[in-house]
N, C-alpha and C. Protein backbone atom coordinates (compact mmCIF):
# COMPACT_ATOMS: atom_id res chain seq x y z
N MET A 1 -5.89 0.71 25.68
CA MET A 1 -6.16 1.68 24.71
C MET A 1 -5.15 2.71 24.58
N ILE A 2 -4.82 3.08 23.43
CA ILE A 2 -3.81 4.07 23.32
C ILE A 2 -4.58 5.36 23.02
N LEU A 3 -4.38 6.49 23.74
CA LEU A 3 -5.01 7.68 23.51
C LEU A 3 -4.16 8.52 22.52
N PRO A 4 -4.76 9.31 21.62
CA PRO A 4 -4.06 10.02 20.65
C PRO A 4 -3.36 11.20 21.34
N ARG A 5 -2.02 11.26 20.82
CA ARG A 5 -1.04 12.25 21.28
C ARG A 5 -0.99 13.36 20.26
N ILE A 6 -1.53 14.57 20.29
CA ILE A 6 -1.50 15.57 19.38
C ILE A 6 -0.34 16.35 19.49
N LYS A 7 0.45 16.52 18.56
CA LYS A 7 1.54 17.59 18.53
C LYS A 7 1.76 18.10 17.10
N PRO A 8 2.05 19.37 16.93
CA PRO A 8 2.35 19.96 15.62
C PRO A 8 3.37 19.15 14.75
N ASN A 9 3.15 19.21 13.50
CA ASN A 9 4.08 18.37 12.52
C ASN A 9 5.12 19.42 12.15
N ARG A 10 6.33 19.25 12.56
CA ARG A 10 7.37 20.24 12.33
C ARG A 10 8.07 20.08 10.91
N ILE A 11 7.81 18.85 10.37
CA ILE A 11 8.69 18.39 9.24
C ILE A 11 7.85 18.87 8.07
N MET A 12 6.55 18.69 8.05
CA MET A 12 5.60 19.12 6.96
C MET A 12 4.48 19.90 7.54
N PRO A 13 4.69 21.37 7.86
CA PRO A 13 3.66 22.04 8.70
C PRO A 13 2.38 22.31 7.99
N ASP A 14 2.19 21.94 6.64
CA ASP A 14 0.81 21.95 6.12
C ASP A 14 0.02 20.66 6.08
N THR A 15 0.63 19.63 6.83
CA THR A 15 -0.07 18.35 6.82
C THR A 15 -0.93 18.18 8.18
N PRO A 16 -1.87 17.26 8.26
CA PRO A 16 -2.70 17.15 9.33
C PRO A 16 -1.77 16.87 10.53
N ILE A 17 -2.46 17.14 11.76
CA ILE A 17 -1.82 16.86 13.02
C ILE A 17 -1.52 15.47 13.25
N SER A 18 -0.29 15.14 13.72
CA SER A 18 -0.06 13.77 13.95
C SER A 18 -0.58 13.29 15.01
N THR A 19 -0.71 11.82 15.25
CA THR A 19 -1.23 11.11 16.32
C THR A 19 -0.42 9.85 16.72
N ALA A 20 -0.64 9.26 17.89
CA ALA A 20 0.08 8.07 18.38
C ALA A 20 -0.42 6.90 17.55
N ALA A 21 0.49 5.89 17.36
CA ALA A 21 0.04 4.78 16.55
C ALA A 21 0.55 3.42 17.38
N ARG A 22 -0.22 2.45 17.31
CA ARG A 22 0.36 1.20 17.85
C ARG A 22 1.55 0.69 17.22
N HIS A 23 2.23 -0.15 17.81
CA HIS A 23 3.33 -0.56 17.42
C HIS A 23 3.34 -1.23 15.89
N ASN A 24 2.21 -2.09 15.61
CA ASN A 24 2.33 -2.75 14.35
C ASN A 24 1.42 -1.98 13.20
N GLU A 25 1.26 -0.70 13.79
CA GLU A 25 0.31 0.16 12.80
C GLU A 25 0.87 1.46 12.38
N LYS A 26 2.15 1.55 12.38
CA LYS A 26 2.84 2.57 12.17
C LYS A 26 3.01 2.91 10.53
N MET A 27 3.14 1.52 10.01
CA MET A 27 3.45 1.54 8.41
C MET A 27 2.15 1.41 7.76
N ILE A 28 1.91 1.81 6.59
CA ILE A 28 0.79 1.43 5.81
C ILE A 28 1.17 0.31 5.04
N GLU A 29 0.43 -0.85 4.89
CA GLU A 29 0.74 -2.03 4.20
C GLU A 29 -0.17 -2.19 2.94
N LEU A 30 0.58 -2.48 1.79
CA LEU A 30 -0.13 -2.74 0.60
C LEU A 30 0.31 -4.16 0.22
N ARG A 31 -0.69 -5.07 -0.08
CA ARG A 31 -0.25 -6.34 -0.39
C ARG A 31 -0.49 -6.70 -1.90
N ILE A 32 0.49 -7.59 -2.46
CA ILE A 32 0.14 -8.00 -3.83
C ILE A 32 0.19 -9.56 -3.64
N ARG A 33 -0.92 -10.06 -4.23
CA ARG A 33 -0.96 -11.70 -4.37
C ARG A 33 -1.13 -12.06 -5.65
N LEU A 34 -0.25 -13.05 -6.10
CA LEU A 34 -0.12 -13.71 -7.40
C LEU A 34 -0.89 -15.01 -7.65
N TRP A 35 -1.63 -15.11 -8.64
CA TRP A 35 -2.40 -16.35 -8.86
C TRP A 35 -1.47 -17.52 -9.07
N THR A 36 -1.76 -18.70 -8.51
CA THR A 36 -1.05 -19.88 -8.73
C THR A 36 -1.71 -21.05 -9.32
N ASN A 37 -3.02 -20.68 -9.51
CA ASN A 37 -3.89 -21.78 -10.16
C ASN A 37 -3.55 -22.36 -11.35
N ASP A 38 -3.84 -23.70 -11.57
CA ASP A 38 -3.76 -24.28 -12.89
C ASP A 38 -2.28 -24.37 -13.51
N LEU A 39 -1.33 -24.24 -12.62
CA LEU A 39 -0.02 -24.35 -13.04
C LEU A 39 0.38 -25.78 -12.96
N ALA A 40 0.14 -26.35 -11.91
CA ALA A 40 0.42 -27.93 -11.86
C ALA A 40 -0.51 -28.75 -12.66
N GLU A 41 0.06 -29.88 -12.85
CA GLU A 41 -0.81 -30.98 -13.84
C GLU A 41 -1.87 -31.46 -12.89
N VAL A 42 -1.75 -31.67 -11.61
CA VAL A 42 -2.82 -32.05 -10.68
C VAL A 42 -3.44 -31.13 -10.07
N LYS A 43 -4.90 -31.11 -10.15
CA LYS A 43 -5.75 -30.10 -9.61
C LYS A 43 -5.47 -30.10 -8.07
N GLY A 44 -5.48 -28.71 -7.66
CA GLY A 44 -5.34 -28.49 -6.14
C GLY A 44 -3.85 -28.57 -5.84
N GLU A 45 -2.97 -28.90 -6.48
CA GLU A 45 -1.55 -28.71 -6.20
C GLU A 45 -0.85 -27.34 -6.91
N ILE A 46 0.36 -27.16 -6.23
CA ILE A 46 1.05 -26.24 -6.86
C ILE A 46 2.53 -26.38 -7.29
N ILE A 47 3.18 -25.52 -8.08
CA ILE A 47 4.59 -25.75 -8.34
C ILE A 47 5.21 -24.78 -7.47
N PRO A 48 5.94 -25.12 -6.26
CA PRO A 48 6.56 -24.11 -5.51
C PRO A 48 7.36 -22.94 -6.15
N LYS A 49 7.14 -21.69 -5.73
CA LYS A 49 7.95 -20.56 -6.32
C LYS A 49 7.50 -20.51 -7.63
N HIS A 50 6.32 -20.80 -8.30
CA HIS A 50 5.81 -20.30 -9.47
C HIS A 50 4.45 -19.59 -9.33
N ALA A 51 4.19 -18.68 -10.15
CA ALA A 51 3.06 -18.02 -10.22
C ALA A 51 2.79 -17.23 -11.55
N TRP A 52 1.65 -16.97 -11.73
CA TRP A 52 1.23 -16.25 -12.99
C TRP A 52 1.66 -14.78 -12.92
N ASP A 53 1.71 -13.98 -13.80
CA ASP A 53 2.27 -12.69 -13.83
C ASP A 53 0.94 -11.78 -13.55
N SER A 54 -0.08 -12.33 -12.99
CA SER A 54 -1.41 -11.57 -12.61
C SER A 54 -1.95 -11.79 -11.24
N GLY A 55 -2.78 -11.08 -10.78
CA GLY A 55 -3.19 -11.24 -9.34
C GLY A 55 -4.02 -10.08 -8.94
N VAL A 56 -3.86 -9.72 -7.63
CA VAL A 56 -4.60 -8.63 -7.12
C VAL A 56 -3.74 -7.75 -6.05
N VAL A 57 -4.23 -6.38 -5.77
CA VAL A 57 -3.34 -5.50 -5.01
C VAL A 57 -4.46 -5.04 -4.18
N PHE A 58 -4.20 -5.03 -2.86
CA PHE A 58 -5.09 -4.58 -1.79
C PHE A 58 -4.37 -3.83 -0.55
N MET A 59 -5.19 -3.11 0.19
CA MET A 59 -4.62 -2.61 1.52
C MET A 59 -5.10 -3.41 2.55
N GLU A 60 -4.26 -3.48 3.59
CA GLU A 60 -4.39 -4.09 4.91
C GLU A 60 -5.30 -3.09 5.67
N LYS A 61 -6.12 -3.70 6.74
CA LYS A 61 -6.85 -2.75 7.77
C LYS A 61 -5.69 -2.18 8.51
N ASN A 62 -5.82 -0.98 8.92
CA ASN A 62 -5.02 -0.31 9.68
C ASN A 62 -5.82 0.76 10.56
N GLN A 63 -6.12 0.52 11.74
CA GLN A 63 -7.00 1.32 12.53
C GLN A 63 -6.36 2.69 12.75
N SER A 64 -5.01 2.81 13.02
CA SER A 64 -4.41 3.99 13.41
C SER A 64 -4.24 5.14 12.16
N HIS A 65 -4.24 4.65 10.98
CA HIS A 65 -4.36 5.26 9.89
C HIS A 65 -5.82 5.43 9.33
N GLY A 66 -6.70 4.79 9.94
CA GLY A 66 -8.17 4.88 9.37
C GLY A 66 -8.43 4.29 8.16
N ILE A 67 -7.67 3.12 7.91
CA ILE A 67 -7.81 2.45 6.59
C ILE A 67 -8.69 1.08 6.89
N ASP A 68 -9.82 1.06 6.23
CA ASP A 68 -10.66 -0.11 6.10
C ASP A 68 -10.58 -0.43 4.56
N PRO A 69 -10.02 -1.74 4.36
CA PRO A 69 -9.81 -2.27 2.98
C PRO A 69 -10.99 -2.28 2.07
N ALA A 70 -10.96 -1.71 0.99
CA ALA A 70 -11.73 -1.73 -0.08
C ALA A 70 -11.55 -3.15 -0.96
N ASN A 71 -12.37 -3.23 -1.93
CA ASN A 71 -12.34 -4.43 -2.76
C ASN A 71 -10.63 -4.43 -3.40
N PRO A 72 -10.17 -5.61 -3.54
CA PRO A 72 -8.81 -5.85 -4.25
C PRO A 72 -8.99 -5.24 -5.63
N LYS A 73 -7.82 -4.84 -6.13
CA LYS A 73 -7.83 -4.36 -7.57
C LYS A 73 -7.02 -5.42 -8.40
N PRO A 74 -7.66 -5.98 -9.39
CA PRO A 74 -6.83 -7.25 -10.11
C PRO A 74 -5.95 -6.58 -11.27
N PHE A 75 -4.85 -7.24 -11.51
CA PHE A 75 -3.90 -6.74 -12.64
C PHE A 75 -3.76 -8.09 -13.40
N HIS A 76 -3.56 -7.84 -14.79
CA HIS A 76 -3.50 -9.01 -15.63
C HIS A 76 -2.09 -9.35 -16.17
N SER A 77 -1.19 -8.23 -15.94
CA SER A 77 0.17 -8.50 -16.14
C SER A 77 1.06 -7.55 -15.33
N LEU A 78 2.43 -8.00 -15.11
CA LEU A 78 3.12 -7.07 -14.32
C LEU A 78 3.24 -5.70 -14.78
N SER A 79 2.92 -5.32 -15.87
CA SER A 79 3.15 -4.16 -16.47
C SER A 79 1.93 -3.14 -16.00
N GLU A 80 0.87 -3.83 -15.61
CA GLU A 80 -0.24 -3.13 -15.15
C GLU A 80 -0.17 -2.89 -13.60
N LEU A 81 0.72 -3.44 -12.87
CA LEU A 81 0.86 -3.42 -11.49
C LEU A 81 1.18 -1.92 -10.81
N PRO A 82 2.05 -1.24 -11.40
CA PRO A 82 2.14 0.37 -10.93
C PRO A 82 0.92 1.01 -11.06
N SER A 83 0.13 0.89 -11.95
CA SER A 83 -1.11 1.66 -12.10
C SER A 83 -2.17 1.09 -11.16
N MET A 84 -2.16 -0.11 -10.77
CA MET A 84 -3.04 -0.71 -9.82
C MET A 84 -2.66 -0.37 -8.28
N ILE A 85 -1.33 -0.27 -8.06
CA ILE A 85 -0.90 0.24 -6.82
C ILE A 85 -1.32 1.67 -6.75
N GLU A 86 -1.09 2.33 -7.58
CA GLU A 86 -1.69 3.99 -7.57
C GLU A 86 -3.23 3.95 -7.51
N ALA A 87 -3.88 3.13 -8.13
CA ALA A 87 -5.31 3.13 -7.95
C ALA A 87 -5.86 2.66 -6.42
N VAL A 88 -5.03 1.77 -5.81
CA VAL A 88 -5.52 1.42 -4.58
C VAL A 88 -5.09 2.64 -3.54
N LEU A 89 -3.96 3.21 -3.65
CA LEU A 89 -3.50 4.42 -2.96
C LEU A 89 -4.46 5.35 -2.93
N ILE A 90 -5.10 5.65 -4.15
CA ILE A 90 -5.91 6.97 -4.38
C ILE A 90 -7.38 6.48 -3.74
N LYS A 91 -7.65 5.08 -3.90
CA LYS A 91 -9.03 4.85 -3.43
C LYS A 91 -8.90 5.08 -1.83
N HIS A 92 -8.01 4.87 -1.14
CA HIS A 92 -7.89 4.76 0.25
C HIS A 92 -7.42 6.19 0.70
N GLY A 93 -7.37 7.18 -0.23
CA GLY A 93 -6.87 8.55 0.42
C GLY A 93 -5.30 8.76 0.96
N ILE A 94 -4.54 7.75 0.40
CA ILE A 94 -3.09 7.71 0.94
C ILE A 94 -2.29 8.82 0.12
N LYS A 95 -1.73 9.86 0.90
CA LYS A 95 -0.94 10.83 0.21
C LYS A 95 0.52 10.50 0.55
N LEU A 96 1.24 10.30 -0.60
CA LEU A 96 2.72 10.06 -0.55
C LEU A 96 3.56 11.37 -0.47
N HIS A 97 4.68 11.25 0.17
CA HIS A 97 5.56 12.34 0.19
C HIS A 97 6.96 11.90 -0.36
N PRO A 98 7.61 12.69 -0.97
CA PRO A 98 8.87 12.33 -1.60
C PRO A 98 10.07 12.11 -0.38
N SER A 99 10.66 11.02 -0.53
CA SER A 99 11.84 10.63 0.35
C SER A 99 12.94 11.53 0.16
N PRO A 100 13.89 11.79 0.99
CA PRO A 100 15.19 12.50 0.69
C PRO A 100 15.79 12.11 -0.52
N ARG A 101 15.83 10.79 -0.87
CA ARG A 101 16.47 10.32 -2.20
C ARG A 101 15.69 10.83 -3.47
N SER A 102 14.28 10.72 -3.36
CA SER A 102 13.37 11.21 -4.39
C SER A 102 13.51 12.69 -4.57
N ARG A 103 13.73 13.49 -3.69
CA ARG A 103 13.72 15.03 -3.87
C ARG A 103 14.87 15.28 -4.65
N LYS A 104 16.04 14.50 -4.70
CA LYS A 104 17.08 14.91 -5.70
C LYS A 104 16.76 15.00 -7.25
N TYR A 105 15.55 14.46 -7.60
CA TYR A 105 14.99 14.61 -9.01
C TYR A 105 13.60 15.17 -9.15
N PHE A 106 12.88 15.31 -8.04
CA PHE A 106 11.59 16.03 -8.01
C PHE A 106 11.65 17.54 -8.16
N ALA A 107 10.75 18.12 -8.96
CA ALA A 107 10.82 19.46 -9.07
C ALA A 107 9.89 20.04 -8.06
N THR A 108 10.01 21.23 -7.48
CA THR A 108 9.08 21.82 -6.51
C THR A 108 8.72 23.02 -7.22
N GLN A 109 7.40 23.38 -6.66
CA GLN A 109 6.78 24.73 -7.33
C GLN A 109 7.12 25.79 -6.34
N ASP A 110 7.77 26.69 -6.70
CA ASP A 110 8.09 27.96 -5.85
C ASP A 110 7.49 28.98 -6.26
């Protein structure tokens, strides 16, 4: 069992206190699954590397981040994918921080 290690967050002082995480639980994993049914002529078979432009987006369980997966969010075309990713992140309470590259074009409130 890994005990939480509490230390102040120097990078983002207004964020919650950081904790230790297991090796495979440091990243937050979002999964996208594409439908492959009814593409092949024979029922139950697939056409390798072919899929519909629709499917589901969902979060993987992550104990270190306190993520218990909710129901997958379906999307019906790739144009809906960004909004479904956003919906899944919001549903699980995930807060995104701009990367150094993104900060080049994000405005800050001073």
